Amino acid sequence: MQCRFFEEDVPINCISMSTDGKYILVSSNEKNIVYILSGNPAEKYTIYGFVEFEGVVLNSVFHTHDGKLKVLAVLKNNLLAGADVPLQPVANRVVAIPADQANVTYRKIDRGSNRIITN
């Protein structure tokens, strides 16, 4: 199976897997989008959907907060973004998951921040 994440030639520079191995994040430091995929080879790494943030994504990781799996992303415009991870494919995977459905939140961070590490 071959999949093209972005319409134009954009390097994928961040691939991250959840600690349980069920989900994969794919992002580029030239786009404001984070793709969420199944980590299960039996599901052929199905794309569950994507979240569009208010800035270019420098780095993205998974984080569990209050028992819910979330995506955290450092954005080029000095914001830390967070969003809920869909646990199954969304109805329309051609458009971004709506911000209110993904519960997207933002927080201002220090200028020059470019990595996020969680435990």
Protein backbone atom coordinates (compact mmCIF):
# COMPACT_ATOMS: atom_id res chain seq x y z
CA MET A 1 0.00 0.00 0.00
CA GLN A 2 1.26 3.47 -0.83
CA CYS A 3 -0.19 6.65 0.63
CA ARG A 4 0.46 10.29 -0.17
CA PHE A 5 -0.16 12.54 2.83
CA PHE A 6 0.39 15.94 1.22
CA GLU A 7 -0.58 17.19 -2.26
CA GLU A 8 2.81 18.70 -3.00
CA ASP A 9 6.27 17.31 -2.27
CA VAL A 10 6.65 17.93 1.45
CA PRO A 11 9.11 16.06 3.67
CA ILE A 12 7.67 13.99 6.49
CA ASN A 13 9.95 14.67 9.43
CA CYS A 14 7.97 13.44 12.41
CA ILE A 15 6.55 9.96 12.83
CA SER A 16 5.51 8.94 16.33
CA MET A 17 3.79 5.85 17.74
CA SER A 18 1.60 5.72 20.83
CA THR A 19 3.02 3.76 23.78
CA ASP A 20 0.49 0.95 23.26
CA GLY A 21 1.32 0.75 19.53
CA LYS A 22 -2.27 1.35 18.42
CA TYR A 23 -1.80 4.75 16.76
CA ILE A 24 0.75 6.59 14.60
CA LEU A 25 1.23 10.34 14.07
CA VAL A 26 2.65 11.73 10.83
CA SER A 27 3.55 15.41 10.35
CA SER A 28 5.82 17.75 8.44
CA ASN A 29 7.56 20.92 9.62
CA GLU A 30 6.25 22.62 6.47
CA LYS A 31 2.52 22.05 7.13
CA ASN A 32 -0.04 22.71 9.85
CA ILE A 33 -1.53 19.21 9.69
CA VAL A 34 -1.05 16.09 11.85
CA TYR A 35 -2.35 12.77 10.48
CA ILE A 36 -3.52 10.05 12.86
CA LEU A 37 -3.26 6.46 11.62
CA SER A 38 -3.94 3.01 12.96
CA GLY A 39 -0.75 1.30 14.12
CA ASN A 40 -2.23 -2.11 13.35
CA PRO A 41 -0.81 -3.83 10.24
CA ALA A 42 -4.02 -5.90 9.98
CA GLU A 43 -5.91 -2.61 9.41
CA LYS A 44 -3.32 -1.65 6.75
CA TYR A 45 -2.41 1.45 8.79
CA THR A 46 -5.77 3.09 8.05
CA ILE A 47 -5.81 6.89 8.27
CA TYR A 48 -8.26 7.78 11.04
CA GLY A 49 -8.26 11.47 10.19
CA PHE A 50 -6.21 14.61 10.52
CA VAL A 51 -6.13 17.72 12.67
CA GLU A 52 -5.36 21.14 11.23
CA PHE A 53 -3.68 23.53 13.67
CA GLU A 54 -3.27 27.33 13.68
CA GLY A 55 0.43 27.14 12.81
CA VAL A 56 3.10 24.99 11.17
CA VAL A 57 3.82 21.82 13.21
CA LEU A 58 7.47 21.55 14.31
CA ASN A 59 7.06 18.41 16.42
CA SER A 60 4.18 16.20 17.53
CA VAL A 61 3.73 13.40 20.09
CA PHE A 62 1.05 11.39 21.86
CA HIS A 63 0.17 12.07 25.49
CA THR A 64 -2.41 10.54 27.82
CA HIS A 65 -4.30 13.04 29.98
CA ASP A 66 -7.16 12.03 32.30
CA GLY A 67 -7.29 8.63 30.58
CA LYS A 68 -7.73 10.15 27.09
CA LEU A 69 -5.14 9.88 24.34
CA LYS A 70 -4.19 13.30 22.95
CA VAL A 71 -1.92 14.76 20.28
CA LEU A 72 0.44 17.49 21.46
CA ALA A 73 2.24 19.63 18.90
CA VAL A 74 4.77 22.46 19.08
CA LEU A 75 3.85 25.07 16.47
CA LYS A 76 6.17 27.48 14.68
CA ASN A 77 4.18 30.48 16.00
CA ASN A 78 5.19 29.69 19.63
CA LEU A 79 2.07 27.75 20.55
CA LEU A 80 1.61 24.34 22.14
CA ALA A 81 -1.45 22.69 20.58
CA GLY A 82 -3.44 19.77 21.92
CA ALA A 83 -6.22 17.69 20.38
CA ASP A 84 -8.11 14.48 21.10
CA VAL A 85 -7.17 11.41 19.08
CA PRO A 86 -10.02 9.70 17.17
CA LEU A 87 -10.18 6.05 18.26
CA GLN A 88 -11.65 4.95 14.93
CA PRO A 89 -11.81 6.42 11.41
CA VAL A 90 -13.87 9.63 11.25
CA ALA A 91 -16.81 9.83 8.84
CA ASN A 92 -15.14 12.20 6.36
CA ARG A 93 -11.36 11.73 6.20
CA VAL A 94 -10.98 14.18 3.30
CA VAL A 95 -11.54 17.23 5.53
CA ALA A 96 -9.87 18.05 8.83
CA ILE A 97 -11.54 16.93 12.03
CA PRO A 98 -13.47 20.02 13.21
CA ALA A 99 -11.69 21.88 16.04
CA ASP A 100 -14.70 21.56 18.37
CA GLN A 101 -14.93 17.80 17.73
CA ALA A 102 -11.17 17.31 18.27
CA ASN A 103 -11.25 19.62 21.32
CA VAL A 104 -8.27 21.61 20.01
CA THR A 105 -6.63 23.84 22.61
CA TYR A 106 -3.64 26.18 22.46
CA ARG A 107 -1.18 27.57 24.98
CA LYS A 108 1.55 30.15 24.44
CA ILE A 109 5.11 28.79 24.94
CA ASP A 110 8.62 30.26 24.93
CA ARG A 111 9.97 31.62 21.66
CA GLY A 112 12.34 29.16 19.98
CA SER A 113 10.72 26.01 21.42
CA ASN A 114 10.78 23.27 18.81
CA ARG A 115 10.47 19.90 20.59
CA ILE A 116 8.02 18.28 22.93
CA ILE A 117 8.83 15.29 25.13
CA THR A 118 6.22 13.67 27.37
CA ASN A 119 6.31 10.78 29.80
